[in-house]
């Protein structure tokens, strides 16, 4: 009886160590597809897609629970990038999620109207608002993603959205087009030229 207990305990210890080693050695950090999707999203954390931020939306897309067309800040270009990544056809932006804006926007607080209620600070998902209770608040424009989540809770309507002027300090080029896309476009253009001739 004692020998059986010793053998079973030894086996449990060996299998436990083997499982512990395997868990450490073969551990995967997150979902790699969700990571790639999240990298394509604009990181505004605006929740217009119906999820509390870009990461939950990326995970839902990776799990095929939601379409790729629910991100207004990413717009049609973002939908195309997601479609290319996932091997799907691009679809139009879902109007229920919102509309794509021509220029990015940032919030501004009319500081002479602000009463210091801190409701906008609590609503900001990226901590772009500075202020304290019963003190004037202000926006850190470089941190503001233009999500507009600070506007509804403001009791005195002292927050407005203004377009960001594009200059050399904040201009960003689009991501480069993959070479496979360029070669497909060239071959389709050549085929169209042959059909015309």
N, C-alpha and C. Protein backbone atom coordinates (compact mmCIF):
# COMPACT_ATOMS: atom_id res chain seq x y z
N UNK A 1 0.82 -1.19 0.00
CA UNK A 1 0.00 0.00 0.00
C UNK A 1 0.87 1.26 0.00
N UNK A 2 1.90 1.26 0.81
CA UNK A 2 2.81 2.40 0.89
C UNK A 2 3.56 2.57 -0.43
N UNK A 3 3.94 1.47 -1.03
CA UNK A 3 4.66 1.52 -2.32
C UNK A 3 3.75 2.13 -3.40
N UNK A 4 2.48 1.78 -3.41
CA UNK A 4 1.54 2.32 -4.39
C UNK A 4 1.38 3.83 -4.21
N UNK A 5 1.30 4.28 -2.96
CA UNK A 5 1.17 5.73 -2.69
C UNK A 5 2.43 6.45 -3.15
N UNK A 6 3.59 5.88 -2.89
CA UNK A 6 4.86 6.51 -3.31
C UNK A 6 4.95 6.57 -4.83
N UNK A 7 4.55 5.49 -5.50
CA UNK A 7 4.59 5.46 -6.97
C UNK A 7 3.63 6.49 -7.56
N UNK A 8 2.40 6.54 -7.05
CA UNK A 8 1.41 7.51 -7.56
C UNK A 8 1.85 8.95 -7.29
N UNK A 9 2.42 9.20 -6.12
CA UNK A 9 2.91 10.54 -5.80
C UNK A 9 4.06 10.91 -6.72
N UNK A 10 4.96 9.97 -6.98
CA UNK A 10 6.09 10.22 -7.88
C UNK A 10 5.59 10.51 -9.29
N UNK A 11 4.64 9.71 -9.78
CA UNK A 11 4.08 9.95 -11.11
C UNK A 11 3.39 11.32 -11.20
N UNK A 12 2.62 11.67 -10.16
CA UNK A 12 1.95 12.97 -10.14
C UNK A 12 2.97 14.11 -10.18
N UNK A 13 4.06 13.95 -9.43
CA UNK A 13 5.11 14.97 -9.41
C UNK A 13 5.79 15.08 -10.77
N UNK A 14 6.10 13.96 -11.40
CA UNK A 14 6.75 13.97 -12.71
C UNK A 14 5.84 14.60 -13.76
N UNK A 15 4.56 14.17 -13.79
CA UNK A 15 3.63 14.74 -14.77
C UNK A 15 3.37 16.22 -14.50
N UNK A 16 3.30 16.60 -13.25
CA UNK A 16 3.12 18.01 -12.89
C UNK A 16 4.28 18.86 -13.37
N UNK A 17 5.51 18.38 -13.16
CA UNK A 17 6.69 19.10 -13.65
C UNK A 17 6.71 19.18 -15.16
N UNK A 18 6.35 18.07 -15.83
CA UNK A 18 6.32 18.06 -17.29
C UNK A 18 5.29 19.05 -17.82
N UNK A 19 4.11 19.08 -17.22
CA UNK A 19 3.08 20.04 -17.65
C UNK A 19 3.49 21.48 -17.37
N UNK A 20 4.12 21.71 -16.23
CA UNK A 20 4.60 23.06 -15.91
C UNK A 20 5.66 23.53 -16.90
N UNK A 21 6.59 22.65 -17.26
CA UNK A 21 7.62 22.98 -18.24
C UNK A 21 6.98 23.27 -19.60
N UNK A 22 6.03 22.42 -20.01
CA UNK A 22 5.37 22.61 -21.30
C UNK A 22 4.59 23.93 -21.34
N UNK A 23 3.95 24.28 -20.22
CA UNK A 23 3.20 25.54 -20.17
C UNK A 23 4.12 26.74 -20.33
N UNK A 24 5.31 26.67 -19.78
CA UNK A 24 6.26 27.78 -19.89
C UNK A 24 6.93 27.76 -21.27
N UNK A 25 7.33 26.61 -21.73
CA UNK A 25 8.08 26.50 -22.98
C UNK A 25 7.23 26.82 -24.20
N UNK A 26 6.00 26.38 -24.21
CA UNK A 26 5.14 26.53 -25.39
C UNK A 26 4.06 27.58 -25.23
N UNK A 27 4.24 28.49 -24.29
CA UNK A 27 3.24 29.52 -24.04
C UNK A 27 3.15 30.49 -25.22
N UNK A 28 1.94 30.87 -25.59
CA UNK A 28 1.69 31.86 -26.62
C UNK A 28 1.17 33.13 -25.95
N UNK A 29 1.75 34.24 -26.32
CA UNK A 29 1.31 35.53 -25.78
C UNK A 29 0.19 36.08 -26.65
N UNK A 30 -1.02 36.04 -26.17
CA UNK A 30 -2.15 36.61 -26.90
C UNK A 30 -2.43 35.88 -28.20
N UNK A 31 -3.28 36.47 -28.99
CA UNK A 31 -3.67 35.94 -30.28
C UNK A 31 -2.87 36.69 -31.35
N UNK A 32 -2.00 36.02 -32.11
CA UNK A 32 -1.19 36.74 -33.09
C UNK A 32 -2.02 37.43 -34.18
N UNK A 33 -3.15 36.85 -34.55
CA UNK A 33 -4.01 37.49 -35.56
C UNK A 33 -4.62 38.75 -34.97
N UNK A 34 -5.08 38.69 -33.72
CA UNK A 34 -5.64 39.88 -33.07
C UNK A 34 -4.59 40.97 -32.94
N UNK A 35 -3.32 40.57 -32.70
CA UNK A 35 -2.24 41.55 -32.62
C UNK A 35 -2.04 42.26 -33.96
N UNK A 36 -2.09 41.51 -35.05
CA UNK A 36 -1.93 42.11 -36.38
C UNK A 36 -3.11 43.03 -36.70
N UNK A 37 -4.31 42.61 -36.34
CA UNK A 37 -5.49 43.44 -36.58
C UNK A 37 -5.40 44.72 -35.76
N UNK A 38 -5.04 44.59 -34.49
CA UNK A 38 -4.93 45.77 -33.63
C UNK A 38 -3.90 46.76 -34.17
N UNK A 39 -2.83 46.27 -34.75
CA UNK A 39 -1.80 47.15 -35.30
C UNK A 39 -2.34 47.99 -36.46
N UNK A 40 -3.37 47.50 -37.14
CA UNK A 40 -3.96 48.25 -38.25
C UNK A 40 -5.03 49.24 -37.80
N UNK A 41 -5.55 49.07 -36.59
CA UNK A 41 -6.60 49.97 -36.10
C UNK A 41 -5.98 51.29 -35.64
N UNK A 42 -6.75 52.38 -35.66
CA UNK A 42 -6.19 53.72 -35.40
C UNK A 42 -5.87 54.04 -33.94
N UNK A 43 -6.25 53.17 -33.01
CA UNK A 43 -5.96 53.36 -31.58
C UNK A 43 -6.59 54.62 -30.99
N UNK A 44 -7.78 54.97 -31.46
CA UNK A 44 -8.49 56.11 -30.89
C UNK A 44 -9.24 55.73 -29.61
N UNK A 45 -9.50 54.44 -29.42
CA UNK A 45 -10.24 53.95 -28.25
C UNK A 45 -11.61 54.63 -28.14
N UNK A 46 -12.23 54.95 -29.27
CA UNK A 46 -13.45 55.75 -29.30
C UNK A 46 -14.72 54.96 -29.01
N UNK A 47 -14.70 53.66 -29.10
CA UNK A 47 -15.84 52.78 -28.83
C UNK A 47 -16.97 52.94 -29.85
N UNK A 48 -16.73 53.58 -30.98
CA UNK A 48 -17.77 53.71 -31.99
C UNK A 48 -18.11 52.37 -32.63
N UNK A 49 -17.18 51.44 -32.56
CA UNK A 49 -17.39 50.11 -33.13
C UNK A 49 -18.32 49.25 -32.27
N UNK A 50 -18.61 49.71 -31.06
CA UNK A 50 -19.44 48.93 -30.15
C UNK A 50 -18.62 48.18 -29.11
N UNK A 51 -17.31 48.29 -29.17
CA UNK A 51 -16.42 47.66 -28.20
C UNK A 51 -15.69 48.77 -27.42
N UNK A 52 -15.25 48.48 -26.20
CA UNK A 52 -14.68 49.55 -25.36
C UNK A 52 -13.31 50.07 -25.81
N UNK A 53 -12.73 49.49 -26.83
CA UNK A 53 -11.44 49.95 -27.31
C UNK A 53 -11.01 49.16 -28.53
N UNK A 54 -9.84 49.50 -29.05
CA UNK A 54 -9.35 48.85 -30.26
C UNK A 54 -8.99 47.39 -30.03
N UNK A 55 -8.41 47.06 -28.88
CA UNK A 55 -8.02 45.67 -28.62
C UNK A 55 -9.23 44.73 -28.58
N UNK A 56 -10.30 45.06 -27.82
CA UNK A 56 -11.46 44.17 -27.84
C UNK A 56 -12.09 44.02 -29.22
N UNK A 57 -12.08 45.11 -30.00
CA UNK A 57 -12.61 45.02 -31.37
C UNK A 57 -11.74 44.10 -32.22
N UNK A 58 -10.42 44.21 -32.08
CA UNK A 58 -9.50 43.34 -32.82
C UNK A 58 -9.72 41.88 -32.46
N UNK A 59 -9.91 41.60 -31.17
CA UNK A 59 -10.15 40.23 -30.74
C UNK A 59 -11.47 39.69 -31.29
N UNK A 60 -12.49 40.56 -31.36
CA UNK A 60 -13.78 40.13 -31.91
C UNK A 60 -13.67 39.86 -33.41
N UNK A 61 -12.89 40.67 -34.13
CA UNK A 61 -12.68 40.41 -35.56
C UNK A 61 -11.93 39.09 -35.74
N UNK A 62 -10.89 38.88 -34.93
CA UNK A 62 -10.10 37.65 -35.04
C UNK A 62 -10.95 36.41 -34.75
N UNK A 63 -11.91 36.55 -33.84
CA UNK A 63 -12.80 35.43 -33.52
C UNK A 63 -13.98 35.33 -34.50
N UNK A 64 -14.02 36.21 -35.51
CA UNK A 64 -15.06 36.24 -36.52
C UNK A 64 -16.44 36.49 -35.91
N UNK A 65 -16.47 37.34 -34.87
CA UNK A 65 -17.73 37.69 -34.21
C UNK A 65 -18.34 38.97 -34.77
N UNK A 66 -17.55 39.77 -35.50
CA UNK A 66 -18.01 41.06 -35.99
C UNK A 66 -17.33 41.35 -37.33
N UNK A 67 -17.96 42.19 -38.14
CA UNK A 67 -17.40 42.56 -39.43
C UNK A 67 -16.23 43.54 -39.27
N UNK A 68 -15.48 43.72 -40.34
CA UNK A 68 -14.31 44.59 -40.33
C UNK A 68 -14.65 46.05 -40.64
N UNK A 69 -15.93 46.37 -40.76
CA UNK A 69 -16.34 47.69 -41.23
C UNK A 69 -16.97 48.57 -40.15
N UNK A 70 -16.55 48.42 -38.91
CA UNK A 70 -17.19 49.19 -37.83
C UNK A 70 -16.26 50.22 -37.20
N UNK A 71 -15.23 50.66 -37.90
CA UNK A 71 -14.26 51.62 -37.35
C UNK A 71 -14.26 52.90 -38.17
N UNK A 72 -15.08 53.91 -37.80
CA UNK A 72 -15.09 55.16 -38.56
C UNK A 72 -13.74 55.89 -38.59
N UNK A 73 -12.97 55.93 -37.49
CA UNK A 73 -11.68 56.62 -37.59
C UNK A 73 -10.73 55.95 -38.58
N UNK A 74 -10.81 54.65 -38.72
CA UNK A 74 -9.97 53.95 -39.70
C UNK A 74 -10.45 54.16 -41.12
N UNK A 75 -11.77 54.31 -41.27
CA UNK A 75 -12.38 54.60 -42.56
C UNK A 75 -12.21 53.50 -43.59
N UNK A 76 -12.41 53.89 -44.84
CA UNK A 76 -12.34 52.94 -45.95
C UNK A 76 -10.93 52.37 -46.11
N UNK A 77 -9.91 53.19 -45.84
CA UNK A 77 -8.53 52.71 -45.96
C UNK A 77 -8.26 51.62 -44.92
N UNK A 78 -8.77 51.80 -43.71
CA UNK A 78 -8.60 50.80 -42.66
C UNK A 78 -9.33 49.51 -42.99
N UNK A 79 -10.52 49.63 -43.55
CA UNK A 79 -11.29 48.45 -43.95
C UNK A 79 -10.52 47.68 -45.03
N UNK A 80 -9.94 48.40 -45.98
CA UNK A 80 -9.17 47.75 -47.05
C UNK A 80 -7.96 47.01 -46.47
N UNK A 81 -7.25 47.64 -45.53
CA UNK A 81 -6.09 46.99 -44.92
C UNK A 81 -6.50 45.73 -44.15
N UNK A 82 -7.61 45.82 -43.40
CA UNK A 82 -8.10 44.65 -42.67
C UNK A 82 -8.52 43.54 -43.63
N UNK A 83 -9.18 43.92 -44.72
CA UNK A 83 -9.60 42.92 -45.71
C UNK A 83 -8.40 42.23 -46.34
N UNK A 84 -7.36 43.01 -46.66
CA UNK A 84 -6.14 42.42 -47.23
C UNK A 84 -5.49 41.46 -46.24
N UNK A 85 -5.44 41.85 -44.97
CA UNK A 85 -4.82 41.01 -43.95
C UNK A 85 -5.57 39.69 -43.78
N UNK A 86 -6.90 39.77 -43.76
CA UNK A 86 -7.71 38.60 -43.46
C UNK A 86 -8.17 37.83 -44.70
N UNK A 87 -7.81 38.33 -45.89
CA UNK A 87 -8.21 37.64 -47.12
C UNK A 87 -9.70 37.74 -47.39
N UNK A 88 -10.30 38.88 -47.01
CA UNK A 88 -11.73 39.10 -47.24
C UNK A 88 -11.92 40.20 -48.27
N UNK A 89 -13.14 40.34 -48.74
CA UNK A 89 -13.48 41.43 -49.63
C UNK A 89 -13.78 42.68 -48.79
N UNK A 90 -13.28 43.85 -49.21
CA UNK A 90 -13.63 45.09 -48.49
C UNK A 90 -15.13 45.36 -48.61
N UNK A 91 -15.72 45.84 -47.52
CA UNK A 91 -17.14 46.19 -47.52
C UNK A 91 -17.27 47.64 -47.05
N UNK A 92 -18.34 48.32 -47.41
CA UNK A 92 -18.48 49.73 -47.01
C UNK A 92 -18.57 49.89 -45.49
N UNK A 93 -18.19 51.06 -45.03
CA UNK A 93 -18.26 51.40 -43.60
C UNK A 93 -19.70 51.30 -43.12
N UNK A 94 -19.91 50.65 -41.99
CA UNK A 94 -21.23 50.51 -41.40
C UNK A 94 -21.70 51.87 -40.90
N UNK A 95 -22.78 52.37 -41.44
CA UNK A 95 -23.29 53.70 -41.08
C UNK A 95 -23.74 53.76 -39.62
N UNK A 96 -24.13 52.62 -39.05
CA UNK A 96 -24.55 52.61 -37.65
C UNK A 96 -23.39 52.92 -36.70
N UNK A 97 -22.16 52.65 -37.13
CA UNK A 97 -20.98 52.91 -36.29
C UNK A 97 -20.57 54.38 -36.35
N UNK A 98 -20.88 55.06 -37.44
CA UNK A 98 -20.52 56.46 -37.58
C UNK A 98 -20.06 56.74 -39.00
N UNK A 99 -19.53 57.96 -39.20
CA UNK A 99 -19.06 58.34 -40.52
C UNK A 99 -17.57 58.67 -40.44
N UNK A 100 -16.90 58.47 -41.57
CA UNK A 100 -15.48 58.78 -41.66
C UNK A 100 -15.32 60.29 -41.81
N UNK A 101 -14.39 60.86 -41.08
CA UNK A 101 -14.14 62.30 -41.16
C UNK A 101 -13.00 62.56 -42.13
N UNK A 102 -13.11 63.70 -42.85
CA UNK A 102 -12.09 64.04 -43.83
C UNK A 102 -10.76 64.36 -43.17
N UNK A 103 -10.80 65.06 -42.05
CA UNK A 103 -9.58 65.42 -41.31
C UNK A 103 -9.70 64.91 -39.88
N UNK A 104 -8.59 64.51 -39.27
CA UNK A 104 -8.65 64.13 -37.85
C UNK A 104 -9.01 65.34 -37.00
N UNK A 105 -9.65 65.10 -35.87
CA UNK A 105 -10.07 66.19 -34.99
C UNK A 105 -9.50 65.98 -33.59
N UNK A 106 -9.39 67.07 -32.86
CA UNK A 106 -9.03 67.02 -31.44
C UNK A 106 -10.02 67.86 -30.67
N UNK A 107 -10.15 67.56 -29.41
CA UNK A 107 -11.07 68.31 -28.55
C UNK A 107 -10.37 69.56 -28.02
N UNK A 108 -11.15 70.60 -27.81
CA UNK A 108 -10.67 71.78 -27.10
C UNK A 108 -11.69 72.11 -26.02
N UNK A 109 -11.21 72.62 -24.91
CA UNK A 109 -12.09 73.02 -23.82
C UNK A 109 -12.09 74.54 -23.76
N UNK A 110 -13.27 75.12 -23.75
CA UNK A 110 -13.39 76.57 -23.56
C UNK A 110 -13.20 76.82 -22.06
N UNK A 111 -11.99 77.18 -21.72
CA UNK A 111 -11.58 77.22 -20.32
C UNK A 111 -12.34 78.26 -19.49
N UNK A 112 -12.86 79.30 -20.13
CA UNK A 112 -13.62 80.30 -19.39
C UNK A 112 -15.01 79.79 -19.00
N UNK A 113 -15.48 78.72 -19.66
CA UNK A 113 -16.79 78.14 -19.35
C UNK A 113 -16.67 76.94 -18.41
N UNK A 114 -15.52 76.25 -18.44
CA UNK A 114 -15.31 75.02 -17.68
C UNK A 114 -15.53 75.24 -16.18
N UNK A 115 -16.29 74.33 -15.55
CA UNK A 115 -16.56 74.45 -14.11
C UNK A 115 -15.74 73.46 -13.28
N UNK A 116 -14.92 72.66 -13.94
CA UNK A 116 -14.06 71.72 -13.22
C UNK A 116 -14.79 70.54 -12.62
N UNK A 117 -15.76 70.00 -13.33
CA UNK A 117 -16.56 68.89 -12.77
C UNK A 117 -15.83 67.54 -12.85
N UNK A 118 -14.79 67.43 -13.64
CA UNK A 118 -13.97 66.22 -13.88
C UNK A 118 -14.69 65.10 -14.63
N UNK A 119 -15.90 65.34 -15.11
CA UNK A 119 -16.60 64.27 -15.84
C UNK A 119 -15.91 63.94 -17.16
N UNK A 120 -15.32 64.95 -17.80
CA UNK A 120 -14.60 64.69 -19.06
C UNK A 120 -13.32 63.90 -18.80
N UNK A 121 -12.66 64.16 -17.67
CA UNK A 121 -11.44 63.42 -17.33
C UNK A 121 -11.76 61.95 -17.16
N UNK A 122 -12.87 61.66 -16.51
CA UNK A 122 -13.26 60.27 -16.27
C UNK A 122 -13.64 59.57 -17.57
N UNK A 123 -14.15 60.33 -18.56
CA UNK A 123 -14.59 59.74 -19.82
C UNK A 123 -13.45 59.53 -20.81
N UNK A 124 -12.35 60.24 -20.66
CA UNK A 124 -11.26 60.19 -21.65
C UNK A 124 -10.52 58.86 -21.56
N UNK A 125 -10.50 58.08 -22.65
CA UNK A 125 -9.84 56.77 -22.60
C UNK A 125 -8.32 56.82 -22.71
N UNK A 126 -7.77 57.98 -23.07
CA UNK A 126 -6.32 58.08 -23.27
C UNK A 126 -5.66 59.11 -22.34
N UNK A 127 -6.38 59.57 -21.34
CA UNK A 127 -5.85 60.54 -20.36
C UNK A 127 -5.26 61.78 -21.02
N UNK A 128 -6.00 62.36 -21.96
CA UNK A 128 -5.53 63.55 -22.66
C UNK A 128 -6.04 64.85 -22.03
N UNK A 129 -6.75 64.75 -20.90
CA UNK A 129 -7.32 65.93 -20.26
C UNK A 129 -6.63 66.16 -18.92
N UNK A 130 -6.20 67.39 -18.71
CA UNK A 130 -5.58 67.78 -17.45
C UNK A 130 -6.54 68.67 -16.68
N UNK A 131 -6.57 68.51 -15.38
CA UNK A 131 -7.40 69.36 -14.54
C UNK A 131 -7.65 68.70 -13.20
N UNK A 132 -8.29 69.44 -12.33
CA UNK A 132 -8.63 68.93 -11.01
C UNK A 132 -10.03 69.39 -10.67
N UNK A 133 -10.59 68.80 -9.64
CA UNK A 133 -11.95 69.15 -9.23
C UNK A 133 -12.05 70.65 -8.93
N UNK A 134 -13.06 71.27 -9.50
CA UNK A 134 -13.36 72.70 -9.34
C UNK A 134 -12.25 73.60 -9.85
N UNK A 135 -11.42 73.07 -10.73
CA UNK A 135 -10.37 73.85 -11.40
C UNK A 135 -10.57 73.70 -12.90
N UNK A 136 -10.02 74.64 -13.63
CA UNK A 136 -10.13 74.62 -15.08
C UNK A 136 -9.44 73.39 -15.65
N UNK A 137 -9.99 72.85 -16.74
CA UNK A 137 -9.41 71.70 -17.43
C UNK A 137 -8.87 72.15 -18.78
N UNK A 138 -7.96 71.36 -19.31
CA UNK A 138 -7.43 71.62 -20.65
C UNK A 138 -7.09 70.28 -21.32
N UNK A 139 -6.98 70.33 -22.63
CA UNK A 139 -6.70 69.14 -23.43
C UNK A 139 -5.23 69.14 -23.85
N UNK A 140 -4.57 68.00 -23.74
CA UNK A 140 -3.24 67.84 -24.31
C UNK A 140 -3.47 67.39 -25.75
N UNK A 141 -3.36 68.34 -26.67
CA UNK A 141 -3.73 68.08 -28.07
C UNK A 141 -2.92 66.93 -28.68
N UNK A 142 -1.67 66.80 -28.30
CA UNK A 142 -0.84 65.74 -28.87
C UNK A 142 -1.30 64.35 -28.42
N UNK A 143 -2.03 64.26 -27.31
CA UNK A 143 -2.51 62.97 -26.80
C UNK A 143 -3.95 62.68 -27.21
N UNK A 144 -4.70 63.71 -27.57
CA UNK A 144 -6.12 63.55 -27.90
C UNK A 144 -6.27 62.77 -29.20
N UNK A 145 -7.12 61.75 -29.18
CA UNK A 145 -7.36 60.93 -30.38
C UNK A 145 -8.63 61.34 -31.13
N UNK A 146 -9.35 62.32 -30.61
CA UNK A 146 -10.56 62.77 -31.28
C UNK A 146 -11.74 61.84 -31.14
N UNK A 147 -11.80 61.08 -30.08
CA UNK A 147 -12.84 60.06 -29.91
C UNK A 147 -14.21 60.65 -29.56
N UNK A 148 -14.25 61.87 -29.08
CA UNK A 148 -15.48 62.59 -28.72
C UNK A 148 -16.18 62.02 -27.49
N UNK A 149 -15.55 61.14 -26.75
CA UNK A 149 -16.19 60.57 -25.55
C UNK A 149 -16.29 61.57 -24.41
N UNK A 150 -15.54 62.66 -24.47
CA UNK A 150 -15.59 63.66 -23.41
C UNK A 150 -16.76 64.63 -23.58
N UNK A 151 -17.36 64.69 -24.76
CA UNK A 151 -18.41 65.68 -25.02
C UNK A 151 -19.73 65.37 -24.31
N UNK A 152 -20.28 64.15 -24.40
CA UNK A 152 -21.59 63.90 -23.77
C UNK A 152 -21.65 64.14 -22.26
N UNK A 153 -20.62 63.78 -21.48
CA UNK A 153 -20.76 63.98 -20.03
C UNK A 153 -20.60 65.44 -19.57
N UNK A 154 -20.12 66.33 -20.43
CA UNK A 154 -19.88 67.72 -20.02
C UNK A 154 -21.21 68.43 -19.76
N UNK A 155 -21.46 68.90 -18.52
CA UNK A 155 -22.76 69.52 -18.21
C UNK A 155 -22.89 70.95 -18.72
N UNK A 156 -21.80 71.60 -19.11
CA UNK A 156 -21.88 72.99 -19.55
C UNK A 156 -21.52 73.17 -21.03
N UNK A 157 -21.38 72.08 -21.75
CA UNK A 157 -21.07 72.11 -23.19
C UNK A 157 -19.88 73.02 -23.52
N UNK A 158 -18.78 72.82 -22.81
CA UNK A 158 -17.61 73.65 -23.05
C UNK A 158 -16.54 72.95 -23.90
N UNK A 159 -16.88 71.80 -24.48
CA UNK A 159 -15.92 71.05 -25.28
C UNK A 159 -16.38 71.03 -26.74
N UNK A 160 -15.47 71.39 -27.63
CA UNK A 160 -15.73 71.34 -29.06
C UNK A 160 -14.65 70.52 -29.73
N UNK A 161 -14.97 70.02 -30.91
CA UNK A 161 -14.00 69.29 -31.73
C UNK A 161 -13.56 70.21 -32.86
N UNK A 162 -12.25 70.30 -33.07
CA UNK A 162 -11.73 71.12 -34.17
C UNK A 162 -10.83 70.25 -35.03
N UNK A 163 -10.83 70.49 -36.36
CA UNK A 163 -9.95 69.71 -37.23
C UNK A 163 -8.48 70.00 -36.94
N UNK A 164 -7.67 69.00 -37.05
CA UNK A 164 -6.23 69.16 -36.87
C UNK A 164 -5.66 69.65 -38.18
N UNK A 165 -4.89 70.72 -38.13
CA UNK A 165 -4.26 71.19 -39.35
C UNK A 165 -3.05 70.30 -39.63
N UNK A 166 -2.96 69.83 -40.85
CA UNK A 166 -1.86 68.95 -41.25
C UNK A 166 -0.69 69.80 -41.71
N UNK A 167 0.45 69.63 -41.06
CA UNK A 167 1.68 70.30 -41.48
C UNK A 167 2.83 69.30 -41.37
N UNK A 168 4.05 69.78 -41.55
CA UNK A 168 5.19 68.86 -41.54
C UNK A 168 5.43 68.19 -40.20
N UNK A 169 4.95 68.80 -39.11
CA UNK A 169 5.20 68.21 -37.79
C UNK A 169 4.29 67.02 -37.48
N UNK A 170 3.11 66.93 -38.12
CA UNK A 170 2.21 65.83 -37.81
C UNK A 170 1.74 65.04 -39.02
N UNK A 171 2.31 65.31 -40.19
CA UNK A 171 1.92 64.58 -41.40
C UNK A 171 2.47 63.17 -41.35
N UNK A 172 1.65 62.20 -41.75
CA UNK A 172 2.08 60.81 -41.82
C UNK A 172 1.66 60.25 -43.16
N UNK A 173 2.57 59.57 -43.80
CA UNK A 173 2.23 58.96 -45.09
C UNK A 173 1.44 57.69 -44.83
N UNK A 174 0.73 57.26 -45.85
CA UNK A 174 0.03 55.97 -45.76
C UNK A 174 1.07 54.87 -45.72
N UNK A 175 0.67 53.73 -45.22
CA UNK A 175 1.58 52.59 -45.20
C UNK A 175 1.89 52.19 -46.64
N UNK A 176 3.09 51.69 -46.90
CA UNK A 176 3.43 51.30 -48.27
C UNK A 176 2.54 50.17 -48.77
N UNK A 177 2.27 50.21 -50.04
CA UNK A 177 1.44 49.18 -50.67
C UNK A 177 2.31 47.94 -50.88
N UNK A 178 1.83 46.76 -50.47
CA UNK A 178 2.63 45.55 -50.68
C UNK A 178 2.95 45.33 -52.15
N UNK A 179 4.10 44.82 -52.45
CA UNK A 179 4.56 44.61 -53.82
C UNK A 179 3.64 43.67 -54.59
N UNK A 180 3.01 42.72 -53.88
CA UNK A 180 2.09 41.80 -54.56
C UNK A 180 0.88 42.55 -55.09
N UNK A 181 0.41 43.57 -54.35
CA UNK A 181 -0.72 44.38 -54.81
C UNK A 181 -0.34 45.16 -56.06
N UNK A 182 0.87 45.72 -56.06
CA UNK A 182 1.33 46.50 -57.22
C UNK A 182 1.44 45.60 -58.44
N UNK A 183 2.01 44.40 -58.28
CA UNK A 183 2.16 43.50 -59.43
C UNK A 183 0.80 43.06 -59.96
N UNK A 184 -0.19 42.86 -59.06
CA UNK A 184 -1.54 42.50 -59.52
C UNK A 184 -2.16 43.64 -60.32
N UNK A 185 -1.95 44.89 -59.83
CA UNK A 185 -2.50 46.04 -60.53
C UNK A 185 -1.87 46.20 -61.91
N UNK A 186 -0.55 45.99 -61.98
CA UNK A 186 0.14 46.11 -63.26
C UNK A 186 -0.31 45.03 -64.24
N UNK A 187 -0.46 43.80 -63.76
CA UNK A 187 -0.88 42.72 -64.66
C UNK A 187 -2.32 42.93 -65.13
N UNK A 188 -3.19 43.44 -64.24
CA UNK A 188 -4.57 43.69 -64.67
C UNK A 188 -4.63 44.85 -65.65
N UNK A 189 -3.75 45.85 -65.47
CA UNK A 189 -3.70 46.97 -66.42
C UNK A 189 -3.19 46.48 -67.78
N UNK A 190 -2.18 45.59 -67.78
CA UNK A 190 -1.68 45.04 -69.04
C UNK A 190 -2.77 44.23 -69.75
N UNK A 191 -3.52 43.43 -68.97
CA UNK A 191 -4.60 42.63 -69.56
C UNK A 191 -5.69 43.52 -70.12
N UNK A 192 -5.99 44.62 -69.44
CA UNK A 192 -7.01 45.56 -69.93
C UNK A 192 -6.53 46.22 -71.21
N UNK A 193 -5.23 46.55 -71.28
CA UNK A 193 -4.66 47.16 -72.50
C UNK A 193 -4.71 46.21 -73.69
N UNK A 194 -4.45 44.93 -73.44
CA UNK A 194 -4.51 43.94 -74.52
C UNK A 194 -5.93 43.76 -75.00
N UNK A 195 -6.90 43.84 -74.07
CA UNK A 195 -8.31 43.68 -74.47
C UNK A 195 -8.75 44.83 -75.33
N UNK A 196 -8.26 46.06 -75.03
CA UNK A 196 -8.64 47.23 -75.81
C UNK A 196 -8.04 47.16 -77.19
N UNK A 197 -6.76 46.72 -77.28
CA UNK A 197 -6.05 46.63 -78.57
C UNK A 197 -6.64 45.51 -79.37
